[in-house]
């Protein structure tokens, strides 16, 4: 697995450090961040996603809370598309 470090939340202490990496082989993001609270998970389940899709979170998945400041490190789709056209 070839990972590229994208960013860490600015000014974090050593023990709380939401971080984002890019898997260069798949384009997937690996995100270390805060666990969503039970209330946040319940709210996500109430909103749902697409009709007919389960709102349960399987054991192999989780919902995390990504702080707003971390969005600056997310790759933009238009950059990915430009790279594919080159």
PDB file of N, CA and C in Angstrom:
ATOM      1  N   UNK A   1       0.861  -1.173   0.000  1.00  0.00           N
ATOM      2  CA  UNK A   1       0.000   0.000   0.000  1.00  0.00           C
ATOM      3  C   UNK A   1       0.905   1.234   0.000  1.00  0.00           C
ATOM      4  N   UNK A   2       0.674   2.110  -0.960  1.00  0.00           N
ATOM      5  CA  UNK A   2       1.442   3.357  -1.036  1.00  0.00           C
ATOM      6  C   UNK A   2       0.569   4.489  -0.513  1.00  0.00           C
ATOM      7  N   UNK A   3       0.889   4.996   0.674  1.00  0.00           N
ATOM      8  CA  UNK A   3       0.112   6.072   1.283  1.00  0.00           C
ATOM      9  C   UNK A   3       0.838   7.398   1.157  1.00  0.00           C
ATOM     10  N   UNK A   4       0.053   8.445   0.948  1.00  0.00           N
ATOM     11  CA  UNK A   4       0.566   9.807   0.958  1.00  0.00           C
ATOM     12  C   UNK A   4      -0.140  10.550   2.073  1.00  0.00           C
ATOM     13  N   UNK A   5       0.630  11.177   2.937  1.00  0.00           N
ATOM     14  CA  UNK A   5       0.084  12.014   3.999  1.00  0.00           C
ATOM     15  C   UNK A   5      -0.507  13.264   3.367  1.00  0.00           C
ATOM     16  N   UNK A   6      -1.765  13.572   3.678  1.00  0.00           N
ATOM     17  CA  UNK A   6      -2.402  14.773   3.125  1.00  0.00           C
ATOM     18  C   UNK A   6      -2.449  15.902   4.141  1.00  0.00           C
ATOM     19  N   UNK A   7      -2.703  15.576   5.410  1.00  0.00           N
ATOM     20  CA  UNK A   7      -2.766  16.653   6.384  1.00  0.00           C
ATOM     21  C   UNK A   7      -3.185  16.174   7.749  1.00  0.00           C
ATOM     22  N   UNK A   8      -2.905  17.037   8.715  1.00  0.00           N
ATOM     23  CA  UNK A   8      -3.292  16.801  10.104  1.00  0.00           C
ATOM     24  C   UNK A   8      -3.943  18.080  10.609  1.00  0.00           C
ATOM     25  N   UNK A   9      -4.890  17.954  11.527  1.00  0.00           N
ATOM     26  CA  UNK A   9      -5.571  19.143  12.018  1.00  0.00           C
ATOM     27  C   UNK A   9      -4.523  20.082  12.639  1.00  0.00           C
ATOM     28  N   UNK A  10      -4.529  21.335  12.241  1.00  0.00           N
ATOM     29  CA  UNK A  10      -3.512  22.268  12.734  1.00  0.00           C
ATOM     30  C   UNK A  10      -3.553  22.428  14.253  1.00  0.00           C
ATOM     31  N   UNK A  11      -2.391  22.587  14.831  1.00  0.00           N
ATOM     32  CA  UNK A  11      -2.231  22.895  16.258  1.00  0.00           C
ATOM     33  C   UNK A  11      -2.857  21.858  17.185  1.00  0.00           C
ATOM     34  N   UNK A  12      -2.766  20.584  16.832  1.00  0.00           N
ATOM     35  CA  UNK A  12      -3.328  19.560  17.707  1.00  0.00           C
ATOM     36  C   UNK A  12      -2.292  19.109  18.720  1.00  0.00           C
ATOM     37  N   UNK A  13      -2.776  18.687  19.875  1.00  0.00           N
ATOM     38  CA  UNK A  13      -1.833  18.075  20.834  1.00  0.00           C
ATOM     39  C   UNK A  13      -1.409  16.698  20.304  1.00  0.00           C
ATOM     40  N   UNK A  14      -0.422  16.078  20.947  1.00  0.00           N
ATOM     41  CA  UNK A  14       0.090  14.796  20.449  1.00  0.00           C
ATOM     42  C   UNK A  14      -0.941  13.676  20.522  1.00  0.00           C
ATOM     43  N   UNK A  15      -1.937  13.775  21.384  1.00  0.00           N
ATOM     44  CA  UNK A  15      -2.862  12.660  21.560  1.00  0.00           C
ATOM     45  C   UNK A  15      -4.161  12.808  20.770  1.00  0.00           C
ATOM     46  N   UNK A  16      -4.471  13.972  20.285  1.00  0.00           N
ATOM     47  CA  UNK A  16      -5.659  14.174  19.455  1.00  0.00           C
ATOM     48  C   UNK A  16      -5.190  14.749  18.134  1.00  0.00           C
ATOM     49  N   UNK A  17      -5.220  13.905  17.119  1.00  0.00           N
ATOM     50  CA  UNK A  17      -4.634  14.372  15.872  1.00  0.00           C
ATOM     51  C   UNK A  17      -5.348  13.799  14.657  1.00  0.00           C
ATOM     52  N   UNK A  18      -6.575  14.279  14.367  1.00  0.00           N
ATOM     53  CA  UNK A  18      -7.226  13.833  13.131  1.00  0.00           C
ATOM     54  C   UNK A  18      -6.284  14.015  11.941  1.00  0.00           C
ATOM     55  N   UNK A  19      -6.167  12.968  11.143  1.00  0.00           N
ATOM     56  CA  UNK A  19      -5.183  12.912  10.070  1.00  0.00           C
ATOM     57  C   UNK A  19      -5.823  12.281   8.838  1.00  0.00           C
ATOM     58  N   UNK A  20      -5.362  12.675   7.648  1.00  0.00           N
ATOM     59  CA  UNK A  20      -5.872  12.107   6.399  1.00  0.00           C
ATOM     60  C   UNK A  20      -4.695  11.651   5.541  1.00  0.00           C
ATOM     61  N   UNK A  21      -4.843  10.433   4.978  1.00  0.00           N
ATOM     62  CA  UNK A  21      -3.873   9.879   4.043  1.00  0.00           C
ATOM     63  C   UNK A  21      -4.599   9.468   2.774  1.00  0.00           C
ATOM     64  N   UNK A  22      -3.897   9.464   1.666  1.00  0.00           N
ATOM     65  CA  UNK A  22      -4.429   9.010   0.382  1.00  0.00           C
ATOM     66  C   UNK A  22      -3.740   7.709   0.007  1.00  0.00           C
ATOM     67  N   UNK A  23      -4.538   6.677  -0.312  1.00  0.00           N
ATOM     68  CA  UNK A  23      -3.997   5.427  -0.835  1.00  0.00           C
ATOM     69  C   UNK A  23      -3.749   5.655  -2.323  1.00  0.00           C
ATOM     70  N   UNK A  24      -2.503   5.743  -2.703  1.00  0.00           N
ATOM     71  CA  UNK A  24      -2.129   6.044  -4.087  1.00  0.00           C
ATOM     72  C   UNK A  24      -2.556   4.946  -5.058  1.00  0.00           C
ATOM     73  N   UNK A  25      -2.696   3.726  -4.568  1.00  0.00           N
ATOM     74  CA  UNK A  25      -3.068   2.610  -5.440  1.00  0.00           C
ATOM     75  C   UNK A  25      -4.556   2.603  -5.778  1.00  0.00           C
ATOM     76  N   UNK A  26      -5.391   3.011  -4.822  1.00  0.00           N
ATOM     77  CA  UNK A  26      -6.840   2.926  -5.027  1.00  0.00           C
ATOM     78  C   UNK A  26      -7.533   4.273  -5.117  1.00  0.00           C
ATOM     79  N   UNK A  27      -6.877   5.337  -4.629  1.00  0.00           N
ATOM     80  CA  UNK A  27      -7.518   6.643  -4.558  1.00  0.00           C
ATOM     81  C   UNK A  27      -8.377   6.808  -3.314  1.00  0.00           C
ATOM     82  N   UNK A  28      -8.428   5.769  -2.471  1.00  0.00           N
ATOM     83  CA  UNK A  28      -9.218   5.843  -1.236  1.00  0.00           C
ATOM     84  C   UNK A  28      -8.545   6.763  -0.228  1.00  0.00           C
ATOM     85  N   UNK A  29      -9.354   7.327   0.667  1.00  0.00           N
ATOM     86  CA  UNK A  29      -8.839   8.127   1.766  1.00  0.00           C
ATOM     87  C   UNK A  29      -8.880   7.295   3.036  1.00  0.00           C
ATOM     88  N   UNK A  30      -7.844   7.365   3.834  1.00  0.00           N
ATOM     89  CA  UNK A  30      -7.834   6.785   5.166  1.00  0.00           C
ATOM     90  C   UNK A  30      -7.881   7.954   6.129  1.00  0.00           C
ATOM     91  N   UNK A  31      -8.864   7.941   7.016  1.00  0.00           N
ATOM     92  CA  UNK A  31      -9.106   9.091   7.872  1.00  0.00           C
ATOM     93  C   UNK A  31      -9.112   8.664   9.331  1.00  0.00           C
ATOM     94  N   UNK A  32      -8.246   9.300  10.101  1.00  0.00           N
ATOM     95  CA  UNK A  32      -8.275   9.159  11.552  1.00  0.00           C
ATOM     96  C   UNK A  32      -8.980  10.391  12.063  1.00  0.00           C
ATOM     97  N   UNK A  33     -10.064  10.204  12.793  1.00  0.00           N
ATOM     98  CA  UNK A  33     -10.795  11.353  13.307  1.00  0.00           C
ATOM     99  C   UNK A  33     -11.622  10.928  14.513  1.00  0.00           C
ATOM    100  N   UNK A  34     -12.483  11.808  14.936  1.00  0.00           N
ATOM    101  CA  UNK A  34     -13.304  11.564  16.120  1.00  0.00           C
ATOM    102  C   UNK A  34     -14.461  10.645  15.780  1.00  0.00           C
ATOM    103  N   UNK A  35     -14.786   9.727  16.690  1.00  0.00           N
ATOM    104  CA  UNK A  35     -15.971   8.894  16.514  1.00  0.00           C
ATOM    105  C   UNK A  35     -17.215   9.766  16.613  1.00  0.00           C
ATOM    106  N   UNK A  36     -18.183   9.486  15.776  1.00  0.00           N
ATOM    107  CA  UNK A  36     -19.471  10.167  15.892  1.00  0.00           C
ATOM    108  C   UNK A  36     -20.132   9.694  17.186  1.00  0.00           C
ATOM    109  N   UNK A  37     -20.862  10.579  17.821  1.00  0.00           N
ATOM    110  CA  UNK A  37     -21.574  10.199  19.039  1.00  0.00           C
ATOM    111  C   UNK A  37     -22.797   9.360  18.672  1.00  0.00           C
ATOM    112  N   UNK A  38     -23.383   8.725  19.657  1.00  0.00           N
ATOM    113  CA  UNK A  38     -24.592   7.939  19.399  1.00  0.00           C
ATOM    114  C   UNK A  38     -25.694   8.816  18.822  1.00  0.00           C
ATOM    115  N   UNK A  39     -25.823  10.048  19.330  1.00  0.00           N
ATOM    116  CA  UNK A  39     -26.841  10.965  18.808  1.00  0.00           C
ATOM    117  C   UNK A  39     -26.571  11.327  17.346  1.00  0.00           C
ATOM    118  N   UNK A  40     -25.306  11.513  16.987  1.00  0.00           N
ATOM    119  CA  UNK A  40     -24.956  11.842  15.604  1.00  0.00           C
ATOM    120  C   UNK A  40     -25.245  10.663  14.676  1.00  0.00           C
ATOM    121  N   UNK A  41     -24.913   9.452  15.129  1.00  0.00           N
ATOM    122  CA  UNK A  41     -25.201   8.264  14.324  1.00  0.00           C
ATOM    123  C   UNK A  41     -26.707   8.126  14.142  1.00  0.00           C
ATOM    124  N   UNK A  42     -27.460   8.314  15.209  1.00  0.00           N
ATOM    125  CA  UNK A  42     -28.924   8.219  15.126  1.00  0.00           C
ATOM    126  C   UNK A  42     -29.469   9.257  14.146  1.00  0.00           C
ATOM    127  N   UNK A  43     -28.942  10.484  14.191  1.00  0.00           N
ATOM    128  CA  UNK A  43     -29.390  11.533  13.268  1.00  0.00           C
ATOM    129  C   UNK A  43     -29.093  11.140  11.825  1.00  0.00           C
ATOM    130  N   UNK A  44     -27.912  10.552  11.576  1.00  0.00           N
ATOM    131  CA  UNK A  44     -27.569  10.091  10.223  1.00  0.00           C
ATOM    132  C   UNK A  44     -28.551   9.007   9.772  1.00  0.00           C
ATOM    133  N   UNK A  45     -28.890   8.104  10.672  1.00  0.00           N
ATOM    134  CA  UNK A  45     -29.812   7.032  10.335  1.00  0.00           C
ATOM    135  C   UNK A  45     -31.211   7.574  10.051  1.00  0.00           C
ATOM    136  N   UNK A  46     -31.620   8.600  10.789  1.00  0.00           N
ATOM    137  CA  UNK A  46     -32.936   9.200  10.559  1.00  0.00           C
ATOM    138  C   UNK A  46     -33.004   9.881   9.193  1.00  0.00           C
ATOM    139  N   UNK A  47     -31.927  10.538   8.791  1.00  0.00           N
ATOM    140  CA  UNK A  47     -31.878  11.207   7.488  1.00  0.00           C
ATOM    141  C   UNK A  47     -31.794  10.170   6.370  1.00  0.00           C
ATOM    142  N   UNK A  48     -30.980   9.113   6.587  1.00  0.00           N
ATOM    143  CA  UNK A  48     -30.828   8.073   5.571  1.00  0.00           C
ATOM    144  C   UNK A  48     -29.986   8.540   4.410  1.00  0.00           C
ATOM    145  N   UNK A  49     -30.004   7.760   3.345  1.00  0.00           N
ATOM    146  CA  UNK A  49     -29.218   8.114   2.165  1.00  0.00           C
ATOM    147  C   UNK A  49     -30.071   8.011   0.915  1.00  0.00           C
ATOM    148  N   UNK A  50     -30.275   6.818   0.388  1.00  0.00           N
ATOM    149  CA  UNK A  50     -31.107   6.660  -0.797  1.00  0.00           C
ATOM    150  C   UNK A  50     -32.280   5.745  -0.450  1.00  0.00           C
ATOM    151  N   UNK A  51     -33.406   5.913  -1.104  1.00  0.00           N
ATOM    152  CA  UNK A  51     -34.575   5.086  -0.793  1.00  0.00           C
ATOM    153  C   UNK A  51     -34.251   3.594  -0.875  1.00  0.00           C
ATOM    154  N   UNK A  52     -34.701   2.856   0.131  1.00  0.00           N
ATOM    155  CA  UNK A  52     -34.524   1.417   0.143  1.00  0.00           C
ATOM    156  C   UNK A  52     -33.190   0.937   0.664  1.00  0.00           C
ATOM    157  N   UNK A  53     -32.271   1.842   0.962  1.00  0.00           N
ATOM    158  CA  UNK A  53     -30.952   1.449   1.466  1.00  0.00           C
ATOM    159  C   UNK A  53     -30.998   1.424   2.986  1.00  0.00           C
ATOM    160  N   UNK A  54     -30.421   0.404   3.576  1.00  0.00           N
ATOM    161  CA  UNK A  54     -30.408   0.256   5.027  1.00  0.00           C
ATOM    162  C   UNK A  54     -29.723   1.446   5.695  1.00  0.00           C
ATOM    163  N   UNK A  55     -30.207   1.819   6.861  1.00  0.00           N
ATOM    164  CA  UNK A  55     -29.560   2.891   7.617  1.00  0.00           C
ATOM    165  C   UNK A  55     -28.695   2.333   8.734  1.00  0.00           C
ATOM    166  N   UNK A  56     -28.631   1.010   8.837  1.00  0.00           N
ATOM    167  CA  UNK A  56     -27.778   0.398   9.856  1.00  0.00           C
ATOM    168  C   UNK A  56     -26.312   0.557   9.453  1.00  0.00           C
ATOM    169  N   UNK A  57     -25.452   0.706  10.449  1.00  0.00           N
ATOM    170  CA  UNK A  57     -24.018   0.795  10.208  1.00  0.00           C
ATOM    171  C   UNK A  57     -23.428  -0.588  10.492  1.00  0.00           C
ATOM    172  N   UNK A  58     -22.953  -1.293   9.458  1.00  0.00           N
ATOM    173  CA  UNK A  58     -22.411  -2.632   9.661  1.00  0.00           C
ATOM    174  C   UNK A  58     -21.191  -2.617  10.591  1.00  0.00           C
ATOM    175  N   UNK A  59     -20.901  -3.754  11.174  1.00  0.00           N
ATOM    176  CA  UNK A  59     -19.774  -3.852  12.102  1.00  0.00           C
ATOM    177  C   UNK A  59     -18.443  -3.463  11.471  1.00  0.00           C
ATOM    178  N   UNK A  60     -18.290  -3.644  10.163  1.00  0.00           N
ATOM    179  CA  UNK A  60     -17.019  -3.322   9.514  1.00  0.00           C
ATOM    180  C   UNK A  60     -16.953  -1.865   9.035  1.00  0.00           C
ATOM    181  N   UNK A  61     -17.959  -1.060   9.369  1.00  0.00           N
ATOM    182  CA  UNK A  61     -17.980   0.359   9.012  1.00  0.00           C
ATOM    183  C   UNK A  61     -18.179   1.198  10.271  1.00  0.00           C
ATOM    184  N   UNK A  62     -17.934   2.485  10.143  1.00  0.00           N
ATOM    185  CA  UNK A  62     -18.168   3.399  11.246  1.00  0.00           C
ATOM    186  C   UNK A  62     -18.514   4.772  10.679  1.00  0.00           C
ATOM    187  N   UNK A  63     -19.053   5.627  11.490  1.00  0.00           N
ATOM    188  CA  UNK A  63     -19.291   7.024  11.115  1.00  0.00           C
ATOM    189  C   UNK A  63     -18.332   7.849  11.953  1.00  0.00           C
ATOM    190  N   UNK A  64     -17.536   8.689  11.284  1.00  0.00           N
ATOM    191  CA  UNK A  64     -16.603   9.560  11.996  1.00  0.00           C
ATOM    192  C   UNK A  64     -17.027  11.008  11.793  1.00  0.00           C
ATOM    193  N   UNK A  65     -16.577  11.863  12.678  1.00  0.00           N
ATOM    194  CA  UNK A  65     -16.798  13.303  12.542  1.00  0.00           C
ATOM    195  C   UNK A  65     -15.486  13.901  12.055  1.00  0.00           C
ATOM    196  N   UNK A  66     -15.520  14.515  10.878  1.00  0.00           N
ATOM    197  CA  UNK A  66     -14.345  15.163  10.306  1.00  0.00           C
ATOM    198  C   UNK A  66     -14.447  16.659  10.576  1.00  0.00           C
ATOM    199  N   UNK A  67     -13.538  17.240  11.367  1.00  0.00           N
ATOM    200  CA  UNK A  67     -13.609  18.667  11.648  1.00  0.00           C
ATOM    201  C   UNK A  67     -13.532  19.498  10.356  1.00  0.00           C
ATOM    202  N   UNK A  68     -14.255  20.596  10.331  1.00  0.00           N
ATOM    203  CA  UNK A  68     -14.329  21.457   9.144  1.00  0.00           C
ATOM    204  C   UNK A  68     -12.945  21.846   8.633  1.00  0.00           C
ATOM    205  N   UNK A  69     -12.029  22.130   9.538  1.00  0.00           N
ATOM    206  CA  UNK A  69     -10.697  22.567   9.132  1.00  0.00           C
ATOM    207  C   UNK A  69      -9.974  21.483   8.323  1.00  0.00           C
ATOM    208  N   UNK A  70     -10.378  20.218   8.474  1.00  0.00           N
ATOM    209  CA  UNK A  70      -9.729  19.127   7.748  1.00  0.00           C
ATOM    210  C   UNK A  70     -10.177  19.037   6.293  1.00  0.00           C
ATOM    211  N   UNK A  71     -11.274  19.700   5.937  1.00  0.00           N
ATOM    212  CA  UNK A  71     -11.768  19.634   4.556  1.00  0.00           C
ATOM    213  C   UNK A  71     -10.758  20.191   3.561  1.00  0.00           C
ATOM    214  N   UNK A  72      -9.877  21.058   4.027  1.00  0.00           N
ATOM    215  CA  UNK A  72      -8.869  21.633   3.129  1.00  0.00           C
ATOM    216  C   UNK A  72      -7.922  20.578   2.570  1.00  0.00           C
ATOM    217  N   UNK A  73      -7.837  19.418   3.224  1.00  0.00           N
ATOM    218  CA  UNK A  73      -6.923  18.367   2.792  1.00  0.00           C
ATOM    219  C   UNK A  73      -7.578  17.343   1.871  1.00  0.00           C
ATOM    220  N   UNK A  74      -8.882  17.417   1.673  1.00  0.00           N
ATOM    221  CA  UNK A  74      -9.571  16.461   0.816  1.00  0.00           C
ATOM    222  C   UNK A  74      -9.262  16.762  -0.646  1.00  0.00           C
ATOM    223  N   UNK A  75      -8.855  15.756  -1.406  1.00  0.00           N
ATOM    224  CA  UNK A  75      -8.607  15.982  -2.838  1.00  0.00           C
ATOM    225  C   UNK A  75      -9.901  16.395  -3.532  1.00  0.00           C
ATOM    226  N   UNK A  76      -9.782  17.306  -4.446  1.00  0.00           N
ATOM    227  CA  UNK A  76     -10.957  17.777  -5.181  1.00  0.00           C
ATOM    228  C   UNK A  76     -11.151  16.931  -6.434  1.00  0.00           C
ATOM    229  N   UNK A  77     -12.411  16.633  -6.759  1.00  0.00           N
ATOM    230  CA  UNK A  77     -12.713  15.820  -7.932  1.00  0.00           C
ATOM    231  C   UNK A  77     -12.182  16.437  -9.214  1.00  0.00           C
ATOM    232  N   UNK A  78     -12.271  17.760  -9.348  1.00  0.00           N
ATOM    233  CA  UNK A  78     -11.818  18.380 -10.587  1.00  0.00           C
ATOM    234  C   UNK A  78     -10.313  18.203 -10.781  1.00  0.00           C
ATOM    235  N   UNK A  79      -9.535  18.149  -9.685  1.00  0.00           N
ATOM    236  CA  UNK A  79      -8.103  17.888  -9.806  1.00  0.00           C
ATOM    237  C   UNK A  79      -7.865  16.454 -10.274  1.00  0.00           C
ATOM    238  N   UNK A  80      -8.649  15.523  -9.738  1.00  0.00           N
ATOM    239  CA  UNK A  80      -8.525  14.123 -10.143  1.00  0.00           C
ATOM    240  C   UNK A  80      -8.858  13.970 -11.625  1.00  0.00           C
ATOM    241  N   UNK A  81      -9.907  14.647 -12.080  1.00  0.00           N
ATOM    242  CA  UNK A  81     -10.321  14.545 -13.471  1.00  0.00           C
ATOM    243  C   UNK A  81      -9.271  15.140 -14.401  1.00  0.00           C
ATOM    244  N   UNK A  82      -8.679  16.271 -14.008  1.00  0.00           N
ATOM    245  CA  UNK A  82      -7.620  16.879 -14.827  1.00  0.00           C
ATOM    246  C   UNK A  82      -6.425  15.945 -14.946  1.00  0.00           C
ATOM    247  N   UNK A  83      -6.076  15.268 -13.845  1.00  0.00           N
ATOM    248  CA  UNK A  83      -4.938  14.350 -13.858  1.00  0.00           C
ATOM    249  C   UNK A  83      -5.204  13.170 -14.798  1.00  0.00           C
ATOM    250  N   UNK A  84      -6.449  12.704 -14.854  1.00  0.00           N
ATOM    251  CA  UNK A  84      -6.787  11.587 -15.717  1.00  0.00           C
ATOM    252  C   UNK A  84      -6.737  11.988 -17.197  1.00  0.00           C
ATOM    253  N   UNK A  85      -7.029  13.254 -17.481  1.00  0.00           N
ATOM    254  CA  UNK A  85      -7.039  13.722 -18.866  1.00  0.00           C
ATOM    255  C   UNK A  85      -5.627  13.986 -19.387  1.00  0.00           C
ATOM    256  N   UNK A  86      -4.669  14.160 -18.485  1.00  0.00           N
ATOM    257  CA  UNK A  86      -3.287  14.474 -18.889  1.00  0.00           C
ATOM    258  C   UNK A  86      -2.581  13.267 -19.446  1.00  0.00           C
TER     259      UNK A  86
END
